[in-house]
Amino acid sequence: MNRTDRLLAIILELQAKRWQRAEDLAATFEISKRTVYRDMQALAESGVPVVSVPGQGYSLVEGYFLPPLSFSPDEAILLLLGGDVMTQNFDAQYRAAAQSATRKIEAVLREQLRAEVQDLKAGLRFVRLNAKPATPELLQQIRRAILQRHRLSIDYETRYTDTDVTRTTREVDPYALIHIDRTWYLVAYCHLRKDIRHFRIDRIDALQILNMTFERPAELNLLSHESDERELFVRVLFSHHIKRWVREDPSFYVISMEDHPDGLLVTLTVRHERDVLQWLLGWGASMRVLEPQSLQQLVIEQAQAILQNHQIAESLLP
């Protein structure tokens, strides 16, 4: 990155994050702190209103903004396609905001660039298939609780198998919403479990915003706690004829796949055997659990239950 581009990028960083220390900027742009000092002096001399406060770093005078930016065709198409994705995955409030932003972006494009973008957009689509949208009211309530730092009370259903379902009422501190593989998750501190948990929004049966507030951790890795809890290793061997399909439709818990003389060897890490039971059963006789033995037993029990269920059904036929 040349110096001119870097100076512009520094201004954008300051606009986006308010305060930036010299060491933060140095790490972001892979330069020395001495270079940061020279860059900040150059910005000040060129008329950019930079504020420096010991212990806090650098900031821009409130109200200072760069003039409207111009977009390349690739930049514009990414922004517009991003707007299309947001309209499919958010509730009505954010869908309207995404549509409004799309119109504004299209309005500032030059006529020739707008035509290029429309051609590109016509040949690219993000299609949402088999998604179960979360209740809009739930998403709105959760977003409000996250922004206002209010604790929630939720009635939550945990399902491992068709017969192994538990319902609990929990008080949680909502930290964030994550969209993974067509499903919304709430990342929150669970006061019942005394730890951070990930809750599927579509398994929340009831929700209430409480008057109690909370402090969000200063540094929070939204997915690290989920992976840290998965301490049980699972190894499964899949038949040769379904290797391709397993690779196309892996479980969220897969950490490695490798070819094996007898098929495809898949390794997963889970919190509990039941985390992957349904996914494994979906492959039928084309998979074999190698370890742990506890998961082997669960698969056997489910297979026996399926057999028994079909035998009973057959005996009832006329």
C-alpha atoms as a PDB file:
ATOM      1  CA  MET A   1       0.000   0.000   0.000  1.00  0.00           C
ATOM      2  CA  ASN A   2       1.470   3.369  -0.985  1.00  0.00           C
ATOM      3  CA  ARG A   3       1.446   6.296   1.418  1.00  0.00           C
ATOM      4  CA  THR A   4      -1.481   8.130  -0.188  1.00  0.00           C
ATOM      5  CA  ASP A   5      -3.704   5.055   0.067  1.00  0.00           C
ATOM      6  CA  ARG A   6      -2.542   4.480   3.625  1.00  0.00           C
ATOM      7  CA  LEU A   7      -3.390   8.032   4.710  1.00  0.00           C
ATOM      8  CA  LEU A   8      -6.894   7.630   3.301  1.00  0.00           C
ATOM      9  CA  ALA A   9      -7.240   4.250   5.020  1.00  0.00           C
ATOM     10  CA  ILE A  10      -6.148   5.776   8.351  1.00  0.00           C
ATOM     11  CA  ILE A  11      -8.890   8.405   8.073  1.00  0.00           C
ATOM     12  CA  LEU A  12     -11.449   5.659   7.424  1.00  0.00           C
ATOM     13  CA  GLU A  13     -10.181   3.747  10.474  1.00  0.00           C
ATOM     14  CA  LEU A  14     -10.559   6.845  12.649  1.00  0.00           C
ATOM     15  CA  GLN A  15     -14.052   7.499  11.304  1.00  0.00           C
ATOM     16  CA  ALA A  16     -15.103   3.911  11.997  1.00  0.00           C
ATOM     17  CA  LYS A  17     -13.561   3.347  15.438  1.00  0.00           C
ATOM     18  CA  ARG A  18     -13.427   6.808  17.000  1.00  0.00           C
ATOM     19  CA  TRP A  19     -10.172   6.361  18.970  1.00  0.00           C
ATOM     20  CA  GLN A  20      -7.108   4.535  17.664  1.00  0.00           C
ATOM     21  CA  ARG A  21      -3.756   4.171  19.427  1.00  0.00           C
ATOM     22  CA  ALA A  22      -0.516   4.443  17.466  1.00  0.00           C
ATOM     23  CA  GLU A  23       0.260   0.776  18.149  1.00  0.00           C
ATOM     24  CA  ASP A  24      -3.184  -0.251  16.861  1.00  0.00           C
ATOM     25  CA  LEU A  25      -2.671   1.645  13.600  1.00  0.00           C
ATOM     26  CA  ALA A  26       0.844   0.264  13.282  1.00  0.00           C
ATOM     27  CA  ALA A  27      -0.469  -3.301  13.635  1.00  0.00           C
ATOM     28  CA  THR A  28      -3.355  -2.702  11.221  1.00  0.00           C
ATOM     29  CA  PHE A  29      -1.185  -1.284   8.428  1.00  0.00           C
ATOM     30  CA  GLU A  30       1.990  -3.244   9.259  1.00  0.00           C
ATOM     31  CA  ILE A  31       4.126  -0.154   9.761  1.00  0.00           C
ATOM     32  CA  SER A  32       6.208   1.191  12.635  1.00  0.00           C
ATOM     33  CA  LYS A  33       4.879   3.553  15.302  1.00  0.00           C
ATOM     34  CA  ARG A  34       7.362   6.165  14.031  1.00  0.00           C
ATOM     35  CA  THR A  35       5.689   5.946  10.596  1.00  0.00           C
ATOM     36  CA  VAL A  36       2.292   6.375  12.258  1.00  0.00           C
ATOM     37  CA  TYR A  37       3.489   9.576  13.941  1.00  0.00           C
ATOM     38  CA  ARG A  38       4.720  10.920  10.598  1.00  0.00           C
ATOM     39  CA  ASP A  39       1.438   9.984   8.893  1.00  0.00           C
ATOM     40  CA  MET A  40      -0.645  11.705  11.567  1.00  0.00           C
ATOM     41  CA  GLN A  41       1.484  14.840  11.237  1.00  0.00           C
ATOM     42  CA  ALA A  42       1.000  14.763   7.470  1.00  0.00           C
ATOM     43  CA  LEU A  43      -2.775  14.477   7.873  1.00  0.00           C
ATOM     44  CA  ALA A  44      -2.831  17.414  10.291  1.00  0.00           C
ATOM     45  CA  GLU A  45      -0.718  19.539   7.939  1.00  0.00           C
ATOM     46  CA  SER A  46      -3.077  18.744   5.045  1.00  0.00           C
ATOM     47  CA  GLY A  47      -6.076  20.075   6.989  1.00  0.00           C
ATOM     48  CA  VAL A  48      -7.547  16.900   8.479  1.00  0.00           C
ATOM     49  CA  PRO A  49      -8.683  17.796  12.037  1.00  0.00           C
ATOM     50  CA  VAL A  50      -6.817  15.123  14.026  1.00  0.00           C
ATOM     51  CA  VAL A  51      -7.039  15.095  17.819  1.00  0.00           C
ATOM     52  CA  SER A  52      -4.332  13.445  19.937  1.00  0.00           C
ATOM     53  CA  VAL A  53      -4.921  12.547  23.609  1.00  0.00           C
ATOM     54  CA  PRO A  54      -2.227  10.782  25.682  1.00  0.00           C
ATOM     55  CA  GLY A  55      -3.415   7.332  26.736  1.00  0.00           C
ATOM     56  CA  GLN A  56      -6.320   7.313  24.269  1.00  0.00           C
ATOM     57  CA  GLY A  57      -4.639   7.809  20.934  1.00  0.00           C
ATOM     58  CA  TYR A  58      -5.896   9.620  17.855  1.00  0.00           C
ATOM     59  CA  SER A  59      -9.373  10.688  16.807  1.00  0.00           C
ATOM     60  CA  LEU A  60     -11.096  13.004  14.353  1.00  0.00           C
ATOM     61  CA  VAL A  61     -12.942  16.133  15.385  1.00  0.00           C
ATOM     62  CA  GLU A  62     -16.614  15.241  15.755  1.00  0.00           C
ATOM     63  CA  GLY A  63     -18.597  15.961  12.616  1.00  0.00           C
ATOM     64  CA  TYR A  64     -15.688  15.540  10.202  1.00  0.00           C
ATOM     65  CA  PHE A  65     -16.420  13.189   7.312  1.00  0.00           C
ATOM     66  CA  LEU A  66     -14.812  12.444   3.995  1.00  0.00           C
ATOM     67  CA  PRO A  67     -16.729  13.477   0.871  1.00  0.00           C
ATOM     68  CA  PRO A  68     -18.762  10.712  -0.836  1.00  0.00           C
ATOM     69  CA  LEU A  69     -16.590   7.893  -2.111  1.00  0.00           C
ATOM     70  CA  SER A  70     -16.640   6.508  -5.625  1.00  0.00           C
ATOM     71  CA  PHE A  71     -16.996   2.782  -6.174  1.00  0.00           C
ATOM     72  CA  SER A  72     -15.383   0.434  -8.645  1.00  0.00           C
ATOM     73  CA  PRO A  73     -17.739  -2.063 -10.361  1.00  0.00           C
ATOM     74  CA  ASP A  74     -16.503  -4.860  -8.057  1.00  0.00           C
ATOM     75  CA  GLU A  75     -16.997  -2.746  -4.925  1.00  0.00           C
ATOM     76  CA  ALA A  76     -20.474  -1.650  -5.971  1.00  0.00           C
ATOM     77  CA  ILE A  77     -21.628  -5.157  -6.884  1.00  0.00           C
ATOM     78  CA  LEU A  78     -20.395  -6.548  -3.556  1.00  0.00           C
ATOM     79  CA  LEU A  79     -22.273  -3.865  -1.637  1.00  0.00           C
ATOM     80  CA  LEU A  80     -25.455  -4.397  -3.647  1.00  0.00           C
ATOM     81  CA  LEU A  81     -25.276  -8.185  -3.401  1.00  0.00           C
ATOM     82  CA  GLY A  82     -24.679  -7.797   0.318  1.00  0.00           C
ATOM     83  CA  GLY A  83     -27.880  -5.790   0.470  1.00  0.00           C
ATOM     84  CA  ASP A  84     -29.716  -8.626  -1.298  1.00  0.00           C
ATOM     85  CA  VAL A  85     -28.417 -11.133   1.274  1.00  0.00           C
ATOM     86  CA  MET A  86     -29.518  -8.911   4.150  1.00  0.00           C
ATOM     87  CA  THR A  87     -33.026  -8.553   2.745  1.00  0.00           C
ATOM     88  CA  GLN A  88     -33.337 -12.356   2.741  1.00  0.00           C
ATOM     89  CA  ASN A  89     -31.957 -13.015   6.209  1.00  0.00           C
ATOM     90  CA  PHE A  90     -33.217 -10.154   8.379  1.00  0.00           C
ATOM     91  CA  ASP A  91     -36.640  -9.125   9.601  1.00  0.00           C
ATOM     92  CA  ALA A  92     -38.753  -6.364   8.040  1.00  0.00           C
ATOM     93  CA  GLN A  93     -37.016  -3.507   9.901  1.00  0.00           C
ATOM     94  CA  TYR A  94     -33.511  -4.350   8.684  1.00  0.00           C
ATOM     95  CA  ARG A  95     -34.822  -5.528   5.313  1.00  0.00           C
ATOM     96  CA  ALA A  96     -36.210  -2.044   4.714  1.00  0.00           C
ATOM     97  CA  ALA A  97     -32.897  -0.511   5.810  1.00  0.00           C
ATOM     98  CA  ALA A  98     -30.957  -2.754   3.396  1.00  0.00           C
ATOM     99  CA  GLN A  99     -33.279  -1.834   0.528  1.00  0.00           C
ATOM    100  CA  SER A 100     -32.909   1.862   1.336  1.00  0.00           C
ATOM    101  CA  ALA A 101     -29.116   1.562   1.423  1.00  0.00           C
ATOM    102  CA  THR A 102     -29.162  -0.250  -1.926  1.00  0.00           C
ATOM    103  CA  ARG A 103     -31.160   2.572  -3.514  1.00  0.00           C
ATOM    104  CA  LYS A 104     -28.713   5.174  -2.168  1.00  0.00           C
ATOM    105  CA  ILE A 105     -25.701   3.301  -3.516  1.00  0.00           C
ATOM    106  CA  GLU A 106     -27.310   2.926  -6.936  1.00  0.00           C
ATOM    107  CA  ALA A 107     -28.256   6.615  -6.941  1.00  0.00           C
ATOM    108  CA  VAL A 108     -24.651   7.858  -6.610  1.00  0.00           C
ATOM    109  CA  LEU A 109     -23.205   5.583  -9.292  1.00  0.00           C
ATOM    110  CA  ARG A 110     -22.296   7.075 -12.637  1.00  0.00           C
ATOM    111  CA  GLU A 111     -24.652   6.005 -15.418  1.00  0.00           C
ATOM    112  CA  GLN A 112     -22.073   3.806 -17.165  1.00  0.00           C
ATOM    113  CA  LEU A 113     -21.020   2.187 -13.887  1.00  0.00           C
ATOM    114  CA  ARG A 114     -24.660   1.660 -12.916  1.00  0.00           C
ATOM    115  CA  ALA A 115     -25.223  -0.213 -16.178  1.00  0.00           C
ATOM    116  CA  GLU A 116     -22.145  -2.389 -15.569  1.00  0.00           C
ATOM    117  CA  VAL A 117     -23.315  -3.176 -12.060  1.00  0.00           C
ATOM    118  CA  GLN A 118     -26.788  -4.116 -13.251  1.00  0.00           C
ATOM    119  CA  ASP A 119     -25.268  -6.515 -15.806  1.00  0.00           C
ATOM    120  CA  LEU A 120     -23.122  -8.130 -13.123  1.00  0.00           C
ATOM    121  CA  LYS A 121     -26.003  -8.286 -10.686  1.00  0.00           C
ATOM    122  CA  ALA A 122     -28.222  -9.982 -13.259  1.00  0.00           C
ATOM    123  CA  GLY A 123     -25.713 -12.839 -13.465  1.00  0.00           C
ATOM    124  CA  LEU A 124     -25.172 -13.340  -9.728  1.00  0.00           C
ATOM    125  CA  ARG A 125     -27.690 -14.502  -7.155  1.00  0.00           C
ATOM    126  CA  PHE A 126     -27.684 -15.611  -3.546  1.00  0.00           C
ATOM    127  CA  VAL A 127     -30.652 -17.928  -3.077  1.00  0.00           C
ATOM    128  CA  ARG A 128     -31.948 -18.816   0.361  1.00  0.00           C
ATOM    129  CA  LEU A 129     -33.144 -22.437   0.390  1.00  0.00           C
ATOM    130  CA  ASN A 130     -34.877 -24.430   3.105  1.00  0.00           C
ATOM    131  CA  ALA A 131     -34.347 -21.689   5.664  1.00  0.00           C
ATOM    132  CA  LYS A 132     -36.571 -21.387   8.697  1.00  0.00           C
ATOM    133  CA  PRO A 133     -36.668 -17.686   9.489  1.00  0.00           C
ATOM    134  CA  ALA A 134     -36.684 -16.766  13.157  1.00  0.00           C
ATOM    135  CA  THR A 135     -39.789 -15.028  14.449  1.00  0.00           C
ATOM    136  CA  PRO A 136     -39.313 -11.326  13.566  1.00  0.00           C
ATOM    137  CA  GLU A 137     -40.597 -10.268  16.972  1.00  0.00           C
ATOM    138  CA  LEU A 138     -37.962 -12.419  18.688  1.00  0.00           C
ATOM    139  CA  LEU A 139     -35.144 -10.971  16.604  1.00  0.00           C
ATOM    140  CA  GLN A 140     -36.300  -7.416  17.294  1.00  0.00           C
ATOM    141  CA  GLN A 141     -36.563  -8.043  21.034  1.00  0.00           C
ATOM    142  CA  ILE A 142     -33.149  -9.691  21.173  1.00  0.00           C
ATOM    143  CA  ARG A 143     -31.527  -6.891  19.168  1.00  0.00           C
ATOM    144  CA  ARG A 144     -33.040  -4.324  21.518  1.00  0.00           C
ATOM    145  CA  ALA A 145     -31.815  -6.240  24.570  1.00  0.00           C
ATOM    146  CA  ILE A 146     -28.291  -6.484  23.083  1.00  0.00           C
ATOM    147  CA  LEU A 147     -28.147  -2.750  22.366  1.00  0.00           C
ATOM    148  CA  GLN A 148     -29.613  -1.743  25.735  1.00  0.00           C
ATOM    149  CA  ARG A 149     -27.641  -4.379  27.698  1.00  0.00           C
ATOM    150  CA  HIS A 150     -30.794  -5.896  29.254  1.00  0.00           C
ATOM    151  CA  ARG A 151     -30.957  -9.421  30.623  1.00  0.00           C
ATOM    152  CA  LEU A 152     -33.431 -11.855  29.053  1.00  0.00           C
ATOM    153  CA  SER A 153     -35.579 -14.632  30.420  1.00  0.00           C
ATOM    154  CA  ILE A 154     -36.082 -17.371  27.824  1.00  0.00           C
ATOM    155  CA  ASP A 155     -37.998 -20.643  27.667  1.00  0.00           C
ATOM    156  CA  TYR A 156     -35.626 -22.878  25.733  1.00  0.00           C
ATOM    157  CA  GLU A 157     -36.050 -26.331  24.244  1.00  0.00           C
ATOM    158  CA  THR A 158     -33.015 -28.601  23.840  1.00  0.00           C
ATOM    159  CA  ARG A 159     -33.512 -31.546  21.479  1.00  0.00           C
ATOM    160  CA  TYR A 160     -31.082 -34.419  21.044  1.00  0.00           C
ATOM    161  CA  THR A 161     -33.480 -37.038  19.654  1.00  0.00           C
ATOM    162  CA  ASP A 162     -37.232 -37.241  19.090  1.00  0.00           C
ATOM    163  CA  THR A 163     -37.670 -38.665  22.594  1.00  0.00           C
ATOM    164  CA  ASP A 164     -34.868 -36.766  24.356  1.00  0.00           C
ATOM    165  CA  VAL A 165     -36.180 -33.208  24.682  1.00  0.00           C
ATOM    166  CA  THR A 166     -35.756 -30.878  27.650  1.00  0.00           C
ATOM    167  CA  ARG A 167     -37.344 -27.484  28.294  1.00  0.00           C
ATOM    168  CA  THR A 168     -35.811 -24.981  30.686  1.00  0.00           C
ATOM    169  CA  THR A 169     -36.360 -21.374  31.693  1.00  0.00           C
ATOM    170  CA  ARG A 170     -33.100 -19.454  31.809  1.00  0.00           C
ATOM    171  CA  GLU A 171     -31.894 -15.950  32.496  1.00  0.00           C
ATOM    172  CA  VAL A 172     -29.230 -14.916  29.989  1.00  0.00           C
ATOM    173  CA  ASP A 173     -27.143 -11.837  29.177  1.00  0.00           C
ATOM    174  CA  PRO A 174     -27.405 -11.433  25.378  1.00  0.00           C
ATOM    175  CA  TYR A 175     -24.075 -10.600  23.731  1.00  0.00           C
ATOM    176  CA  ALA A 176     -24.604 -11.116  20.006  1.00  0.00           C
ATOM    177  CA  LEU A 177     -26.590 -12.688  17.178  1.00  0.00           C
ATOM    178  CA  ILE A 178     -24.863 -15.037  14.712  1.00  0.00           C
ATOM    179  CA  HIS A 179     -26.265 -16.410  11.456  1.00  0.00           C
ATOM    180  CA  ILE A 180     -24.779 -19.855  10.681  1.00  0.00           C
ATOM    181  CA  ASP A 181     -25.942 -22.158   7.897  1.00  0.00           C
ATOM    182  CA  ARG A 182     -29.426 -20.633   7.540  1.00  0.00           C
ATOM    183  CA  THR A 183     -29.998 -20.517  11.318  1.00  0.00           C
ATOM    184  CA  TRP A 184     -29.893 -17.653  13.834  1.00  0.00           C
ATOM    185  CA  TYR A 185     -28.065 -18.184  17.126  1.00  0.00           C
ATOM    186  CA  LEU A 186     -28.001 -16.048  20.259  1.00  0.00           C
ATOM    187  CA  VAL A 187     -24.617 -15.866  22.001  1.00  0.00           C
ATOM    188  CA  ALA A 188     -25.282 -15.171  25.676  1.00  0.00           C
ATOM    189  CA  TYR A 189     -24.032 -15.738  29.187  1.00  0.00           C
ATOM    190  CA  CYS A 190     -26.320 -18.356  30.738  1.00  0.00           C
ATOM    191  CA  HIS A 191     -26.845 -17.863  34.475  1.00  0.00           C
ATOM    192  CA  LEU A 192     -28.124 -21.437  34.767  1.00  0.00           C
ATOM    193  CA  ARG A 193     -24.951 -22.968  33.291  1.00  0.00           C
ATOM    194  CA  LYS A 194     -22.633 -20.194  34.555  1.00  0.00           C
ATOM    195  CA  ASP A 195     -20.969 -19.897  31.161  1.00  0.00           C
ATOM    196  CA  ILE A 196     -21.413 -18.562  27.641  1.00  0.00           C
ATOM    197  CA  ARG A 197     -23.820 -20.601  25.511  1.00  0.00           C
ATOM    198  CA  HIS A 198     -25.144 -20.540  21.937  1.00  0.00           C
ATOM    199  CA  PHE A 199     -28.951 -20.751  21.682  1.00  0.00           C
ATOM    200  CA  ARG A 200     -30.858 -21.457  18.470  1.00  0.00           C
ATOM    201  CA  ILE A 201     -33.445 -18.709  18.081  1.00  0.00           C
ATOM    202  CA  ASP A 202     -36.021 -21.109  16.623  1.00  0.00           C
ATOM    203  CA  ARG A 203     -35.869 -23.151  19.864  1.00  0.00           C
ATOM    204  CA  ILE A 204     -36.809 -20.196  22.057  1.00  0.00           C
ATOM    205  CA  ASP A 205     -40.512 -20.661  22.858  1.00  0.00           C
ATOM    206  CA  ALA A 206     -40.959 -17.490  24.922  1.00  0.00           C
ATOM    207  CA  LEU A 207     -38.848 -14.452  25.731  1.00  0.00           C
ATOM    208  CA  GLN A 208     -39.062 -11.585  28.200  1.00  0.00           C
ATOM    209  CA  ILE A 209     -36.799  -8.549  28.523  1.00  0.00           C
ATOM    210  CA  LEU A 210     -35.913  -8.000  32.187  1.00  0.00           C
ATOM    211  CA  ASN A 211     -35.126  -4.744  33.956  1.00  0.00           C
ATOM    212  CA  MET A 212     -31.678  -5.997  35.019  1.00  0.00           C
ATOM    213  CA  THR A 213     -28.707  -4.791  32.961  1.00  0.00           C
ATOM    214  CA  PHE A 214     -25.268  -6.314  32.381  1.00  0.00           C
ATOM    215  CA  GLU A 215     -21.768  -5.415  31.192  1.00  0.00           C
ATOM    216  CA  ARG A 216     -20.625  -6.992  27.933  1.00  0.00           C
ATOM    217  CA  PRO A 217     -17.074  -8.430  28.033  1.00  0.00           C
ATOM    218  CA  ALA A 218     -14.577  -6.031  26.476  1.00  0.00           C
ATOM    219  CA  GLU A 219     -13.015  -8.785  24.368  1.00  0.00           C
ATOM    220  CA  LEU A 220     -15.422 -11.464  23.192  1.00  0.00           C
ATOM    221  CA  ASN A 221     -14.733 -14.127  20.578  1.00  0.00           C
ATOM    222  CA  LEU A 222     -18.223 -15.130  19.503  1.00  0.00           C
ATOM    223  CA  LEU A 223     -17.286 -18.674  18.447  1.00  0.00           C
ATOM    224  CA  SER A 224     -14.362 -19.527  20.706  1.00  0.00           C
ATOM    225  CA  HIS A 225     -16.482 -20.631  23.667  1.00  0.00           C
ATOM    226  CA  GLU A 226     -18.478 -22.996  21.460  1.00  0.00           C
ATOM    227  CA  SER A 227     -15.315 -24.681  20.196  1.00  0.00           C
ATOM    228  CA  ASP A 228     -13.636 -24.684  23.636  1.00  0.00           C
ATOM    229  CA  GLU A 229     -16.527 -26.715  25.069  1.00  0.00           C
ATOM    230  CA  ARG A 230     -16.172 -29.468  22.466  1.00  0.00           C
ATOM    231  CA  GLU A 231     -13.773 -31.856  24.143  1.00  0.00           C
ATOM    232  CA  LEU A 232     -15.180 -35.200  22.920  1.00  0.00           C
ATOM    233  CA  PHE A 233     -13.540 -36.584  19.765  1.00  0.00           C
ATOM    234  CA  VAL A 234     -15.648 -38.591  17.324  1.00  0.00           C
ATOM    235  CA  ARG A 235     -14.264 -40.651  14.433  1.00  0.00           C
ATOM    236  CA  VAL A 236     -16.584 -41.980  11.728  1.00  0.00           C
ATOM    237  CA  LEU A 237     -15.844 -44.013   8.596  1.00  0.00           C
ATOM    238  CA  PHE A 238     -18.073 -43.356   5.577  1.00  0.00           C
ATOM    239  CA  SER A 239     -18.389 -45.673   2.567  1.00  0.00           C
ATOM    240  CA  HIS A 240     -16.636 -44.825  -0.701  1.00  0.00           C
ATOM    241  CA  HIS A 241     -19.853 -44.227  -2.638  1.00  0.00           C
ATOM    242  CA  ILE A 242     -20.981 -41.313  -0.414  1.00  0.00           C
ATOM    243  CA  LYS A 243     -17.613 -39.571   0.106  1.00  0.00           C
ATOM    244  CA  ARG A 244     -18.554 -36.753  -2.230  1.00  0.00           C
ATOM    245  CA  TRP A 245     -21.909 -36.158  -0.563  1.00  0.00           C
ATOM    246  CA  VAL A 246     -20.415 -36.120   2.937  1.00  0.00           C
ATOM    247  CA  ARG A 247     -17.930 -33.485   1.806  1.00  0.00           C
ATOM    248  CA  GLU A 248     -20.801 -31.464   0.317  1.00  0.00           C
ATOM    249  CA  ASP A 249     -22.913 -31.630   3.461  1.00  0.00           C
ATOM    250  CA  PRO A 250     -20.565 -31.755   6.479  1.00  0.00           C
ATOM    251  CA  SER A 251     -21.608 -31.396  10.078  1.00  0.00           C
ATOM    252  CA  PHE A 252     -20.881 -28.132  11.877  1.00  0.00           C
ATOM    253  CA  TYR A 253     -18.643 -30.160  14.219  1.00  0.00           C
ATOM    254  CA  VAL A 254     -16.287 -31.606  11.573  1.00  0.00           C
ATOM    255  CA  ILE A 255     -12.617 -30.720  12.054  1.00  0.00           C
ATOM    256  CA  SER A 256     -11.017 -32.977   9.442  1.00  0.00           C
ATOM    257  CA  MET A 257     -11.772 -35.309   6.533  1.00  0.00           C
ATOM    258  CA  GLU A 258      -9.228 -37.660   5.018  1.00  0.00           C
ATOM    259  CA  ASP A 259      -9.274 -40.460   2.495  1.00  0.00           C
ATOM    260  CA  HIS A 260      -9.096 -43.964   3.941  1.00  0.00           C
ATOM    261  CA  PRO A 261      -8.648 -47.344   2.210  1.00  0.00           C
ATOM    262  CA  ASP A 262     -12.237 -48.179   3.193  1.00  0.00           C
ATOM    263  CA  GLY A 263     -13.794 -44.799   2.440  1.00  0.00           C
ATOM    264  CA  LEU A 264     -13.689 -41.379   4.113  1.00  0.00           C
ATOM    265  CA  LEU A 265     -12.486 -40.921   7.685  1.00  0.00           C
ATOM    266  CA  VAL A 266     -14.167 -37.968   9.395  1.00  0.00           C
ATOM    267  CA  THR A 267     -13.117 -36.516  12.745  1.00  0.00           C
ATOM    268  CA  LEU A 268     -15.425 -34.283  14.775  1.00  0.00           C
ATOM    269  CA  THR A 269     -15.300 -32.581  18.171  1.00  0.00           C
ATOM    270  CA  VAL A 270     -18.541 -32.335  20.167  1.00  0.00           C
ATOM    271  CA  ARG A 271     -19.771 -31.506  23.649  1.00  0.00           C
ATOM    272  CA  HIS A 272     -21.997 -34.570  23.758  1.00  0.00           C
ATOM    273  CA  GLU A 273     -22.499 -37.613  21.549  1.00  0.00           C
ATOM    274  CA  ARG A 274     -26.021 -36.461  20.749  1.00  0.00           C
ATOM    275  CA  ASP A 275     -24.698 -33.313  19.033  1.00  0.00           C
ATOM    276  CA  VAL A 276     -24.003 -35.353  15.866  1.00  0.00           C
ATOM    277  CA  LEU A 277     -26.415 -38.264  16.320  1.00  0.00           C
ATOM    278  CA  GLN A 278     -29.077 -36.964  13.936  1.00  0.00           C
ATOM    279  CA  TRP A 279     -26.508 -36.071  11.259  1.00  0.00           C
ATOM    280  CA  LEU A 280     -24.949 -39.530  11.460  1.00  0.00           C
ATOM    281  CA  LEU A 281     -28.285 -41.352  11.332  1.00  0.00           C
ATOM    282  CA  GLY A 282     -29.084 -39.472   8.123  1.00  0.00           C
ATOM    283  CA  TRP A 283     -26.344 -41.464   6.339  1.00  0.00           C
ATOM    284  CA  GLY A 284     -27.899 -44.791   7.296  1.00  0.00           C
ATOM    285  CA  ALA A 285     -25.816 -47.933   6.732  1.00  0.00           C
ATOM    286  CA  SER A 286     -23.197 -45.977   4.770  1.00  0.00           C
ATOM    287  CA  MET A 287     -21.409 -44.877   7.944  1.00  0.00           C
ATOM    288  CA  ARG A 288     -19.766 -46.629  10.873  1.00  0.00           C
ATOM    289  CA  VAL A 289     -18.818 -44.975  14.160  1.00  0.00           C
ATOM    290  CA  LEU A 290     -15.283 -45.948  15.189  1.00  0.00           C
ATOM    291  CA  GLU A 291     -15.205 -44.026  18.447  1.00  0.00           C
ATOM    292  CA  PRO A 292     -16.298 -43.287  21.090  1.00  0.00           C
ATOM    293  CA  GLN A 293     -18.047 -46.447  22.205  1.00  0.00           C
ATOM    294  CA  SER A 294     -20.776 -44.400  23.874  1.00  0.00           C
ATOM    295  CA  LEU A 295     -21.785 -42.979  20.489  1.00  0.00           C
ATOM    296  CA  GLN A 296     -21.709 -46.453  18.942  1.00  0.00           C
ATOM    297  CA  GLN A 297     -24.202 -47.551  21.593  1.00  0.00           C
ATOM    298  CA  LEU A 298     -26.467 -44.567  20.913  1.00  0.00           C
ATOM    299  CA  VAL A 299     -26.543 -45.376  17.182  1.00  0.00           C
ATOM    300  CA  ILE A 300     -27.361 -49.026  17.937  1.00  0.00           C
ATOM    301  CA  GLU A 301     -30.195 -48.019  20.275  1.00  0.00           C
ATOM    302  CA  GLN A 302     -31.658 -45.648  17.682  1.00  0.00           C
ATOM    303  CA  ALA A 303     -31.398 -48.291  14.933  1.00  0.00           C
ATOM    304  CA  GLN A 304     -33.171 -50.823  17.152  1.00  0.00           C
ATOM    305  CA  ALA A 305     -35.885 -48.289  17.968  1.00  0.00           C
ATOM    306  CA  ILE A 306     -36.381 -47.566  14.250  1.00  0.00           C
ATOM    307  CA  LEU A 307     -36.636 -51.302  13.511  1.00  0.00           C
ATOM    308  CA  GLN A 308     -39.101 -51.844  16.339  1.00  0.00           C
ATOM    309  CA  ASN A 309     -41.209 -48.901  15.229  1.00  0.00           C
ATOM    310  CA  HIS A 310     -41.474 -50.293  11.693  1.00  0.00           C
ATOM    311  CA  GLN A 311     -42.252 -53.815  12.941  1.00  0.00           C
ATOM    312  CA  ILE A 312     -45.123 -52.448  15.012  1.00  0.00           C
ATOM    313  CA  ALA A 313     -46.399 -50.438  12.079  1.00  0.00           C
ATOM    314  CA  GLU A 314     -46.226 -53.498   9.821  1.00  0.00           C
ATOM    315  CA  SER A 315     -48.177 -55.606  12.283  1.00  0.00           C
ATOM    316  CA  LEU A 316     -51.001 -53.060  12.237  1.00  0.00           C
ATOM    317  CA  LEU A 317     -51.421 -53.233   8.486  1.00  0.00           C
ATOM    318  CA  PRO A 318     -54.570 -55.069   7.283  1.00  0.00           C
END
